Amino acid sequence: MITFRLSTQEELKFIQNAIDKLFGEKIAEKFIQNKHLIIGEGKWKEIFLVSDKMITILEAMANKKQPYSLGMQIGELDKNKKFKLSLEAVFEIVKFTSHLIKLTAKGAQTILYGRNISFSQVDKICYDDAKEGDYTILLDENGFPIGLGKILHDLAKMQLIRFKICIKNIIDLGWYLRKGE
């Protein structure tokens, strides 16, 4: 059974810092703006983003049956208290960040199969200061977000090693079809 509660200030800051570390300063503030973080505690901690109205509903349900889910699930805290961003959050964060890489059709297909990307499958890096270790939202050839990746090399090195892996697939839309494996 999952029990829902408002996040503590400490949890809120921890999650905001984790999102800002991934996508840049103040992205979490824009993403969370006018909403609340709810923690769903069960076998692990799930993080949900909810409106004021959902808070009212949750409060009205106090001491009654708990809902199965609530709002938009934006991630979870694993056993090591590391925040893992959900794909649902990526679909919203794309509106606020410049950390975007547009893939070729072949690159998009590769990501959706759960594999990593070579530089030859990159159509466009949409921000100038892309560097090794950055997390970036991966877009298909039409600009639709399809995954989250981590850059493995700096830009100059990526151009030299065009056919070697340069972006690690963290999570992608195909994950749902592969049953989260």
N, C-alpha and C. Protein backbone atom coordinates (compact mmCIF):
# COMPACT_ATOMS: atom_id res chain seq x y z
N MET A 1 0.83 -1.18 0.00
CA MET A 1 0.00 0.00 0.00
C MET A 1 0.88 1.25 0.00
N ILE A 2 0.46 2.24 -0.74
CA ILE A 2 1.19 3.51 -0.83
C ILE A 2 0.49 4.54 0.05
N THR A 3 1.27 5.26 0.83
CA THR A 3 0.76 6.34 1.65
C THR A 3 1.28 7.65 1.08
N PHE A 4 0.39 8.62 0.89
CA PHE A 4 0.77 9.90 0.30
C PHE A 4 0.86 10.99 1.36
N ARG A 5 1.84 11.88 1.18
CA ARG A 5 2.01 13.02 2.08
C ARG A 5 2.71 14.14 1.32
N LEU A 6 2.58 15.37 1.81
CA LEU A 6 3.30 16.50 1.25
C LEU A 6 4.80 16.31 1.47
N SER A 7 5.59 16.76 0.55
CA SER A 7 7.04 16.68 0.73
C SER A 7 7.47 17.64 1.84
N THR A 8 8.54 17.30 2.50
CA THR A 8 9.12 18.23 3.46
C THR A 8 9.91 19.28 2.69
N GLN A 9 10.27 20.37 3.33
CA GLN A 9 11.10 21.39 2.69
C GLN A 9 12.43 20.80 2.25
N GLU A 10 12.97 19.91 3.07
CA GLU A 10 14.25 19.26 2.75
C GLU A 10 14.12 18.40 1.49
N GLU A 11 13.04 17.64 1.40
CA GLU A 11 12.80 16.81 0.20
C GLU A 11 12.59 17.68 -1.03
N LEU A 12 11.82 18.77 -0.89
CA LEU A 12 11.57 19.69 -1.99
C LEU A 12 12.89 20.25 -2.52
N LYS A 13 13.74 20.74 -1.62
CA LYS A 13 15.04 21.30 -2.03
C LYS A 13 15.91 20.24 -2.69
N PHE A 14 15.91 19.02 -2.15
CA PHE A 14 16.71 17.93 -2.71
C PHE A 14 16.29 17.63 -4.15
N ILE A 15 14.99 17.56 -4.39
CA ILE A 15 14.47 17.25 -5.73
C ILE A 15 14.71 18.42 -6.68
N GLN A 16 14.49 19.64 -6.21
CA GLN A 16 14.77 20.82 -7.03
C GLN A 16 16.24 20.85 -7.43
N ASN A 17 17.13 20.60 -6.48
CA ASN A 17 18.57 20.59 -6.78
C ASN A 17 18.92 19.50 -7.78
N ALA A 18 18.29 18.34 -7.66
CA ALA A 18 18.55 17.23 -8.59
C ALA A 18 18.13 17.61 -10.01
N ILE A 19 16.96 18.24 -10.16
CA ILE A 19 16.48 18.65 -11.49
C ILE A 19 17.36 19.76 -12.05
N ASP A 20 17.72 20.74 -11.21
CA ASP A 20 18.59 21.84 -11.66
C ASP A 20 19.97 21.32 -12.05
N LYS A 21 20.45 20.31 -11.35
CA LYS A 21 21.76 19.73 -11.70
C LYS A 21 21.70 19.07 -13.09
N LEU A 22 20.56 18.47 -13.41
CA LEU A 22 20.41 17.82 -14.71
C LEU A 22 20.25 18.81 -15.86
N PHE A 23 19.47 19.88 -15.65
CA PHE A 23 19.06 20.73 -16.77
C PHE A 23 19.42 22.21 -16.65
N GLY A 24 19.99 22.61 -15.56
CA GLY A 24 20.37 24.00 -15.40
C GLY A 24 19.60 24.69 -14.29
N GLU A 25 20.21 25.74 -13.80
CA GLU A 25 19.67 26.49 -12.68
C GLU A 25 18.28 27.05 -12.98
N LYS A 26 17.41 26.94 -12.01
CA LYS A 26 16.05 27.49 -12.04
C LYS A 26 15.06 26.71 -12.90
N ILE A 27 15.47 25.62 -13.51
CA ILE A 27 14.54 24.81 -14.30
C ILE A 27 13.48 24.19 -13.38
N ALA A 28 13.89 23.69 -12.23
CA ALA A 28 12.94 23.06 -11.30
C ALA A 28 11.89 24.06 -10.82
N GLU A 29 12.33 25.28 -10.56
CA GLU A 29 11.39 26.31 -10.11
C GLU A 29 10.31 26.56 -11.16
N LYS A 30 10.72 26.63 -12.42
CA LYS A 30 9.76 26.84 -13.51
C LYS A 30 8.84 25.62 -13.67
N PHE A 31 9.41 24.44 -13.55
CA PHE A 31 8.68 23.19 -13.72
C PHE A 31 7.65 22.98 -12.60
N ILE A 32 8.05 23.27 -11.37
CA ILE A 32 7.20 23.01 -10.21
C ILE A 32 6.26 24.18 -9.91
N GLN A 33 6.48 25.31 -10.51
CA GLN A 33 5.75 26.54 -10.25
C GLN A 33 4.25 26.31 -10.03
N ASN A 34 3.74 26.86 -8.91
CA ASN A 34 2.32 26.80 -8.55
C ASN A 34 1.79 25.38 -8.34
N LYS A 35 2.68 24.45 -8.08
CA LYS A 35 2.26 23.07 -7.82
C LYS A 35 2.94 22.59 -6.54
N HIS A 36 2.62 21.40 -6.13
CA HIS A 36 3.17 20.84 -4.90
C HIS A 36 3.77 19.47 -5.19
N LEU A 37 4.75 19.10 -4.39
CA LEU A 37 5.31 17.75 -4.49
C LEU A 37 4.68 16.89 -3.41
N ILE A 38 4.20 15.74 -3.85
CA ILE A 38 3.64 14.74 -2.94
C ILE A 38 4.57 13.53 -2.98
N ILE A 39 4.82 12.97 -1.84
CA ILE A 39 5.65 11.77 -1.73
C ILE A 39 4.71 10.59 -1.52
N GLY A 40 4.83 9.58 -2.37
CA GLY A 40 4.09 8.33 -2.21
C GLY A 40 5.04 7.30 -1.64
N GLU A 41 4.80 6.89 -0.41
CA GLU A 41 5.70 5.94 0.25
C GLU A 41 5.09 4.56 0.27
N GLY A 42 5.85 3.61 -0.22
CA GLY A 42 5.48 2.21 -0.23
C GLY A 42 6.77 1.42 -0.15
N LYS A 43 7.00 0.54 -1.11
CA LYS A 43 8.27 -0.19 -1.16
C LYS A 43 9.41 0.75 -1.50
N TRP A 44 9.10 1.85 -2.20
CA TRP A 44 10.06 2.91 -2.49
C TRP A 44 9.31 4.23 -2.46
N LYS A 45 10.01 5.33 -2.63
CA LYS A 45 9.37 6.64 -2.61
C LYS A 45 9.19 7.14 -4.03
N GLU A 46 7.93 7.42 -4.38
CA GLU A 46 7.61 8.02 -5.67
C GLU A 46 7.28 9.49 -5.44
N ILE A 47 7.66 10.32 -6.41
CA ILE A 47 7.45 11.75 -6.30
C ILE A 47 6.38 12.16 -7.33
N PHE A 48 5.37 12.88 -6.87
CA PHE A 48 4.27 13.31 -7.72
C PHE A 48 4.15 14.83 -7.68
N LEU A 49 3.81 15.42 -8.81
CA LEU A 49 3.55 16.85 -8.93
C LEU A 49 2.04 17.03 -9.02
N VAL A 50 1.48 17.83 -8.10
CA VAL A 50 0.03 17.97 -8.04
C VAL A 50 -0.38 19.44 -7.91
N SER A 51 -1.63 19.71 -8.25
CA SER A 51 -2.22 21.05 -8.14
C SER A 51 -2.80 21.26 -6.74
N ASP A 52 -3.19 22.50 -6.48
CA ASP A 52 -3.86 22.81 -5.20
C ASP A 52 -5.12 21.96 -5.01
N LYS A 53 -5.86 21.76 -6.10
CA LYS A 53 -7.10 20.99 -6.02
C LYS A 53 -6.81 19.54 -5.57
N MET A 54 -5.72 18.97 -6.06
CA MET A 54 -5.38 17.60 -5.66
C MET A 54 -4.99 17.54 -4.18
N ILE A 55 -4.38 18.61 -3.67
CA ILE A 55 -4.04 18.67 -2.24
C ILE A 55 -5.33 18.64 -1.43
N THR A 56 -6.33 19.39 -1.86
CA THR A 56 -7.63 19.43 -1.18
C THR A 56 -8.26 18.04 -1.18
N ILE A 57 -8.20 17.36 -2.30
CA ILE A 57 -8.76 16.00 -2.40
C ILE A 57 -8.01 15.05 -1.48
N LEU A 58 -6.68 15.14 -1.48
CA LEU A 58 -5.87 14.27 -0.63
C LEU A 58 -6.20 14.51 0.85
N GLU A 59 -6.33 15.77 1.24
CA GLU A 59 -6.67 16.10 2.63
C GLU A 59 -8.06 15.57 2.99
N ALA A 60 -9.01 15.63 2.05
CA ALA A 60 -10.36 15.13 2.29
C ALA A 60 -10.37 13.60 2.46
N MET A 61 -9.37 12.95 1.87
CA MET A 61 -9.29 11.48 1.95
C MET A 61 -8.49 11.01 3.15
N ALA A 62 -8.01 11.93 3.95
CA ALA A 62 -7.21 11.55 5.12
C ALA A 62 -7.97 10.53 5.97
N ASN A 63 -7.29 9.53 6.44
CA ASN A 63 -7.85 8.45 7.27
C ASN A 63 -8.85 7.59 6.51
N LYS A 64 -8.85 7.69 5.19
CA LYS A 64 -9.69 6.82 4.36
C LYS A 64 -8.76 6.05 3.44
N LYS A 65 -9.33 5.39 2.47
CA LYS A 65 -8.51 4.68 1.50
C LYS A 65 -7.58 5.65 0.77
N GLN A 66 -6.35 5.22 0.58
CA GLN A 66 -5.39 6.02 -0.16
C GLN A 66 -5.53 5.74 -1.65
N PRO A 67 -5.35 6.77 -2.50
CA PRO A 67 -5.40 6.52 -3.95
C PRO A 67 -4.22 5.68 -4.39
N TYR A 68 -4.33 5.09 -5.56
CA TYR A 68 -3.24 4.30 -6.12
C TYR A 68 -2.16 5.21 -6.67
N SER A 69 -2.58 6.32 -7.26
CA SER A 69 -1.66 7.29 -7.85
C SER A 69 -2.26 8.67 -7.68
N LEU A 70 -1.43 9.69 -7.88
CA LEU A 70 -1.91 11.04 -7.63
C LEU A 70 -1.11 12.01 -8.47
N GLY A 71 -1.75 12.80 -9.33
CA GLY A 71 -1.03 13.79 -10.12
C GLY A 71 -0.10 13.15 -11.14
N MET A 72 0.96 13.88 -11.48
CA MET A 72 1.94 13.38 -12.45
C MET A 72 3.16 12.84 -11.70
N GLN A 73 3.49 11.59 -11.95
CA GLN A 73 4.66 11.00 -11.32
C GLN A 73 5.91 11.57 -12.01
N ILE A 74 6.75 12.30 -11.26
CA ILE A 74 7.92 12.94 -11.87
C ILE A 74 9.22 12.21 -11.57
N GLY A 75 9.15 11.20 -10.73
CA GLY A 75 10.37 10.45 -10.44
C GLY A 75 10.22 9.62 -9.19
N GLU A 76 11.35 9.08 -8.77
CA GLU A 76 11.36 8.29 -7.54
C GLU A 76 12.71 8.43 -6.87
N LEU A 77 12.72 8.11 -5.60
CA LEU A 77 13.97 8.05 -4.85
C LEU A 77 14.30 6.57 -4.69
N ASP A 78 15.49 6.18 -5.15
CA ASP A 78 15.86 4.77 -5.03
C ASP A 78 16.38 4.46 -3.62
N LYS A 79 16.83 3.24 -3.41
CA LYS A 79 17.29 2.80 -2.09
C LYS A 79 18.44 3.67 -1.56
N ASN A 80 19.25 4.18 -2.49
CA ASN A 80 20.40 5.02 -2.12
C ASN A 80 20.04 6.49 -2.03
N LYS A 81 18.74 6.79 -2.02
CA LYS A 81 18.21 8.16 -1.97
C LYS A 81 18.68 9.01 -3.15
N LYS A 82 18.83 8.37 -4.30
CA LYS A 82 19.16 9.08 -5.53
C LYS A 82 17.86 9.31 -6.29
N PHE A 83 17.68 10.53 -6.78
CA PHE A 83 16.47 10.88 -7.52
C PHE A 83 16.58 10.41 -8.95
N LYS A 84 15.57 9.66 -9.40
CA LYS A 84 15.50 9.18 -10.78
C LYS A 84 14.30 9.84 -11.44
N LEU A 85 14.58 10.66 -12.44
CA LEU A 85 13.55 11.40 -13.15
C LEU A 85 12.71 10.47 -14.01
N SER A 86 11.40 10.73 -14.07
CA SER A 86 10.52 9.92 -14.91
C SER A 86 10.42 10.52 -16.31
N LEU A 87 9.99 9.72 -17.25
CA LEU A 87 9.78 10.19 -18.61
C LEU A 87 8.66 11.22 -18.67
N GLU A 88 7.65 11.08 -17.82
CA GLU A 88 6.56 12.06 -17.77
C GLU A 88 7.09 13.44 -17.44
N ALA A 89 8.05 13.51 -16.53
CA ALA A 89 8.65 14.80 -16.17
C ALA A 89 9.43 15.37 -17.35
N VAL A 90 10.12 14.52 -18.09
CA VAL A 90 10.88 14.96 -19.27
C VAL A 90 9.96 15.66 -20.26
N PHE A 91 8.75 15.14 -20.44
CA PHE A 91 7.79 15.74 -21.39
C PHE A 91 7.42 17.17 -20.98
N GLU A 92 7.47 17.47 -19.69
CA GLU A 92 7.15 18.82 -19.22
C GLU A 92 8.40 19.70 -19.16
N ILE A 93 9.51 19.15 -18.72
CA ILE A 93 10.75 19.92 -18.57
C ILE A 93 11.25 20.42 -19.93
N VAL A 94 10.93 19.71 -21.01
CA VAL A 94 11.36 20.10 -22.35
C VAL A 94 10.92 21.54 -22.66
N LYS A 95 9.86 22.01 -22.03
CA LYS A 95 9.34 23.36 -22.26
C LYS A 95 10.24 24.44 -21.66
N PHE A 96 11.10 24.05 -20.70
CA PHE A 96 11.86 25.03 -19.93
C PHE A 96 13.37 24.96 -20.13
N THR A 97 13.88 23.92 -20.73
CA THR A 97 15.33 23.74 -20.82
C THR A 97 15.84 23.88 -22.24
N SER A 98 17.11 24.24 -22.33
CA SER A 98 17.76 24.27 -23.65
C SER A 98 18.58 23.00 -23.86
N HIS A 99 18.66 22.14 -22.85
CA HIS A 99 19.44 20.90 -22.94
C HIS A 99 18.71 19.89 -23.84
N LEU A 100 18.78 20.15 -25.14
CA LEU A 100 18.05 19.35 -26.12
C LEU A 100 19.00 18.89 -27.22
N ILE A 101 18.82 17.66 -27.66
CA ILE A 101 19.54 17.14 -28.81
C ILE A 101 18.53 16.50 -29.74
N LYS A 102 18.52 16.98 -30.98
CA LYS A 102 17.62 16.44 -32.00
C LYS A 102 18.36 15.32 -32.72
N LEU A 103 17.71 14.18 -32.84
CA LEU A 103 18.31 13.00 -33.46
C LEU A 103 17.82 12.83 -34.89
N THR A 104 18.58 12.09 -35.67
CA THR A 104 18.13 11.68 -37.00
C THR A 104 17.05 10.62 -36.81
N ALA A 105 16.37 10.26 -37.88
CA ALA A 105 15.36 9.19 -37.80
C ALA A 105 16.00 7.89 -37.29
N LYS A 106 17.20 7.59 -37.77
CA LYS A 106 17.92 6.39 -37.32
C LYS A 106 18.28 6.49 -35.84
N GLY A 107 18.67 7.69 -35.41
CA GLY A 107 18.99 7.91 -34.00
C GLY A 107 17.78 7.72 -33.11
N ALA A 108 16.63 8.25 -33.55
CA ALA A 108 15.39 8.09 -32.79
C ALA A 108 15.02 6.61 -32.66
N GLN A 109 15.15 5.89 -33.75
CA GLN A 109 14.85 4.45 -33.72
C GLN A 109 15.79 3.73 -32.77
N THR A 110 17.06 4.10 -32.78
CA THR A 110 18.05 3.49 -31.90
C THR A 110 17.69 3.70 -30.44
N ILE A 111 17.33 4.93 -30.09
CA ILE A 111 16.95 5.25 -28.71
C ILE A 111 15.72 4.45 -28.30
N LEU A 112 14.72 4.38 -29.18
CA LEU A 112 13.48 3.68 -28.84
C LEU A 112 13.69 2.17 -28.66
N TYR A 113 14.78 1.66 -29.22
CA TYR A 113 15.14 0.25 -29.00
C TYR A 113 15.99 0.08 -27.74
N GLY A 114 16.21 1.19 -27.00
CA GLY A 114 16.92 1.10 -25.73
C GLY A 114 18.43 1.14 -25.86
N ARG A 115 18.91 1.53 -27.03
CA ARG A 115 20.36 1.53 -27.25
C ARG A 115 20.92 2.95 -27.15
N ASN A 116 22.24 3.04 -27.09
CA ASN A 116 22.95 4.31 -27.00
C ASN A 116 23.15 4.90 -28.39
N ILE A 117 23.54 6.18 -28.44
CA ILE A 117 23.61 6.95 -29.69
C ILE A 117 25.05 7.27 -30.07
N SER A 118 25.35 7.15 -31.35
CA SER A 118 26.65 7.62 -31.86
C SER A 118 26.44 9.03 -32.42
N PHE A 119 27.53 9.77 -32.59
CA PHE A 119 27.42 11.16 -33.07
C PHE A 119 26.82 11.22 -34.47
N SER A 120 27.02 10.18 -35.27
CA SER A 120 26.47 10.18 -36.62
C SER A 120 24.93 10.15 -36.61
N GLN A 121 24.32 9.81 -35.46
CA GLN A 121 22.86 9.76 -35.33
C GLN A 121 22.29 11.05 -34.73
N VAL A 122 23.17 12.03 -34.49
CA VAL A 122 22.76 13.33 -33.95
C VAL A 122 22.53 14.29 -35.12
N ASP A 123 21.36 14.88 -35.18
CA ASP A 123 21.05 15.87 -36.21
C ASP A 123 21.51 17.26 -35.77
N LYS A 124 21.17 17.62 -34.50
CA LYS A 124 21.49 18.96 -34.02
C LYS A 124 21.59 18.97 -32.50
N ILE A 125 22.65 19.60 -32.00
CA ILE A 125 22.78 19.86 -30.56
C ILE A 125 22.24 21.27 -30.36
N CYS A 126 21.18 21.39 -29.60
CA CYS A 126 20.42 22.64 -29.53
C CYS A 126 20.92 23.64 -28.50
N TYR A 127 22.06 23.36 -27.87
CA TYR A 127 22.64 24.34 -26.94
C TYR A 127 24.15 24.35 -27.10
N ASP A 128 24.72 25.55 -26.96
CA ASP A 128 26.13 25.77 -27.28
C ASP A 128 27.12 25.19 -26.28
N ASP A 129 26.75 25.13 -25.03
CA ASP A 129 27.71 24.70 -24.01
C ASP A 129 27.57 23.22 -23.64
N ALA A 130 27.13 22.39 -24.57
CA ALA A 130 27.01 20.95 -24.33
C ALA A 130 28.38 20.39 -23.97
N LYS A 131 28.42 19.60 -22.90
CA LYS A 131 29.70 19.04 -22.46
C LYS A 131 29.52 17.65 -21.87
N GLU A 132 30.62 16.96 -21.74
CA GLU A 132 30.63 15.63 -21.15
C GLU A 132 29.96 15.65 -19.78
N GLY A 133 29.09 14.68 -19.55
CA GLY A 133 28.40 14.57 -18.28
C GLY A 133 27.03 15.23 -18.24
N ASP A 134 26.72 16.07 -19.24
CA ASP A 134 25.40 16.72 -19.29
C ASP A 134 24.30 15.70 -19.54
N TYR A 135 23.17 15.94 -18.91
CA TYR A 135 21.95 15.19 -19.23
C TYR A 135 21.18 16.05 -20.22
N THR A 136 20.58 15.41 -21.19
CA THR A 136 19.89 16.14 -22.24
C THR A 136 18.64 15.39 -22.66
N ILE A 137 17.65 16.16 -23.07
CA ILE A 137 16.42 15.55 -23.57
C ILE A 137 16.63 15.25 -25.05
N LEU A 138 16.31 14.06 -25.45
CA LEU A 138 16.50 13.60 -26.83
C LEU A 138 15.18 13.75 -27.59
N LEU A 139 15.28 14.41 -28.73
CA LEU A 139 14.11 14.67 -29.56
C LEU A 139 14.19 13.84 -30.83
N ASP A 140 13.03 13.41 -31.33
CA ASP A 140 13.03 12.71 -32.62
C ASP A 140 13.17 13.75 -33.73
N GLU A 141 13.15 13.31 -34.97
CA GLU A 141 13.36 14.20 -36.11
C GLU A 141 12.27 15.26 -36.25
N ASN A 142 11.13 15.07 -35.58
CA ASN A 142 10.03 16.05 -35.60
C ASN A 142 10.04 16.98 -34.39
N GLY A 143 11.01 16.80 -33.50
CA GLY A 143 11.12 17.65 -32.32
C GLY A 143 10.33 17.16 -31.12
N PHE A 144 9.82 15.92 -31.17
CA PHE A 144 9.06 15.35 -30.06
C PHE A 144 10.03 14.69 -29.07
N PRO A 145 9.89 14.95 -27.76
CA PRO A 145 10.79 14.32 -26.79
C PRO A 145 10.55 12.81 -26.71
N ILE A 146 11.62 12.04 -26.84
CA ILE A 146 11.49 10.58 -26.81
C ILE A 146 12.39 9.92 -25.77
N GLY A 147 13.23 10.72 -25.10
CA GLY A 147 14.09 10.10 -24.11
C GLY A 147 14.99 11.09 -23.39
N LEU A 148 15.74 10.54 -22.47
CA LEU A 148 16.72 11.27 -21.69
C LEU A 148 18.06 10.58 -21.88
N GLY A 149 19.09 11.38 -22.19
CA GLY A 149 20.41 10.81 -22.41
C GLY A 149 21.48 11.55 -21.64
N LYS A 150 22.64 10.93 -21.54
CA LYS A 150 23.80 11.54 -20.88
C LYS A 150 24.93 11.61 -21.89
N ILE A 151 25.50 12.80 -22.07
CA ILE A 151 26.60 13.00 -23.01
C ILE A 151 27.87 12.38 -22.43
N LEU A 152 28.53 11.54 -23.22
CA LEU A 152 29.71 10.81 -22.74
C LEU A 152 31.04 11.45 -23.11
N HIS A 153 31.05 12.39 -24.07
CA HIS A 153 32.30 13.04 -24.52
C HIS A 153 32.03 14.51 -24.77
N ASP A 154 33.09 15.33 -24.75
CA ASP A 154 32.88 16.73 -25.10
C ASP A 154 32.65 16.83 -26.61
N LEU A 155 32.12 17.96 -27.05
CA LEU A 155 31.68 18.13 -28.43
C LEU A 155 32.79 17.90 -29.45
N ALA A 156 33.96 18.44 -29.20
CA ALA A 156 35.07 18.29 -30.16
C ALA A 156 35.44 16.82 -30.35
N LYS A 157 35.46 16.08 -29.25
CA LYS A 157 35.80 14.66 -29.33
C LYS A 157 34.68 13.87 -30.03
N MET A 158 33.42 14.26 -29.79
CA MET A 158 32.31 13.57 -30.44
C MET A 158 32.41 13.67 -31.96
N GLN A 159 32.81 14.84 -32.46
CA GLN A 159 32.91 15.04 -33.90
C GLN A 159 34.02 14.20 -34.50
N LEU A 160 35.06 13.92 -33.72
CA LEU A 160 36.17 13.10 -34.21
C LEU A 160 35.83 11.61 -34.22
N ILE A 161 34.98 11.18 -33.31
CA ILE A 161 34.64 9.75 -33.20
C ILE A 161 33.18 9.53 -33.60
N ARG A 162 32.84 9.97 -34.78
CA ARG A 162 31.45 9.99 -35.26
C ARG A 162 30.66 8.69 -35.05
N PHE A 163 31.30 7.56 -35.15
CA PHE A 163 30.55 6.30 -35.11
C PHE A 163 30.69 5.56 -33.78
N LYS A 164 31.34 6.17 -32.81
CA LYS A 164 31.41 5.58 -31.48
C LYS A 164 30.27 6.15 -30.64
N ILE A 165 29.93 5.45 -29.59
CA ILE A 165 28.84 5.87 -28.71
C ILE A 165 29.21 7.19 -28.03
N CYS A 166 28.30 8.18 -28.12
CA CYS A 166 28.56 9.48 -27.49
C CYS A 166 27.45 9.90 -26.54
N ILE A 167 26.28 9.26 -26.63
CA ILE A 167 25.18 9.59 -25.72
C ILE A 167 24.61 8.29 -25.15
N LYS A 168 24.62 8.21 -23.83
CA LYS A 168 24.08 7.03 -23.15
C LYS A 168 22.57 7.22 -22.95
N ASN A 169 21.81 6.20 -23.29
CA ASN A 169 20.36 6.21 -23.11
C ASN A 169 20.06 5.96 -21.63
N ILE A 170 19.39 6.91 -21.01
CA ILE A 170 18.99 6.77 -19.61
C ILE A 170 17.58 6.18 -19.51
N ILE A 171 16.64 6.79 -20.23
CA ILE A 171 15.27 6.29 -20.30
C ILE A 171 14.66 6.79 -21.60
N ASP A 172 13.77 5.99 -22.17
CA ASP A 172 13.17 6.35 -23.46
C ASP A 172 11.74 5.84 -23.55
N LEU A 173 11.01 6.35 -24.54
CA LEU A 173 9.62 5.93 -24.73
C LEU A 173 9.48 4.43 -24.97
N GLY A 174 10.42 3.84 -25.64
CA GLY A 174 10.37 2.41 -25.91
C GLY A 174 10.41 1.56 -24.65
N TRP A 175 10.87 2.15 -23.54
CA TRP A 175 10.95 1.45 -22.26
C TRP A 175 9.59 0.87 -21.89
N TYR A 176 8.52 1.62 -22.15
CA TYR A 176 7.18 1.14 -21.82
C TYR A 176 6.82 -0.11 -22.63
N LEU A 177 7.21 -0.13 -23.88
CA LEU A 177 6.93 -1.29 -24.73
C LEU A 177 7.77 -2.50 -24.34
N ARG A 178 8.97 -2.21 -23.82
CA ARG A 178 9.84 -3.30 -23.37
C ARG A 178 9.54 -3.71 -21.93
N LYS A 179 8.45 -3.19 -21.37
CA LYS A 179 7.98 -3.51 -20.01
C LYS A 179 8.97 -3.09 -18.94
N GLY A 180 9.64 -1.96 -19.14
CA GLY A 180 10.51 -1.41 -18.11
C GLY A 180 11.77 -2.19 -17.86
N GLU A 181 12.16 -3.02 -18.82
CA GLU A 181 13.37 -3.83 -18.61
C GLU A 181 14.60 -3.08 -19.04
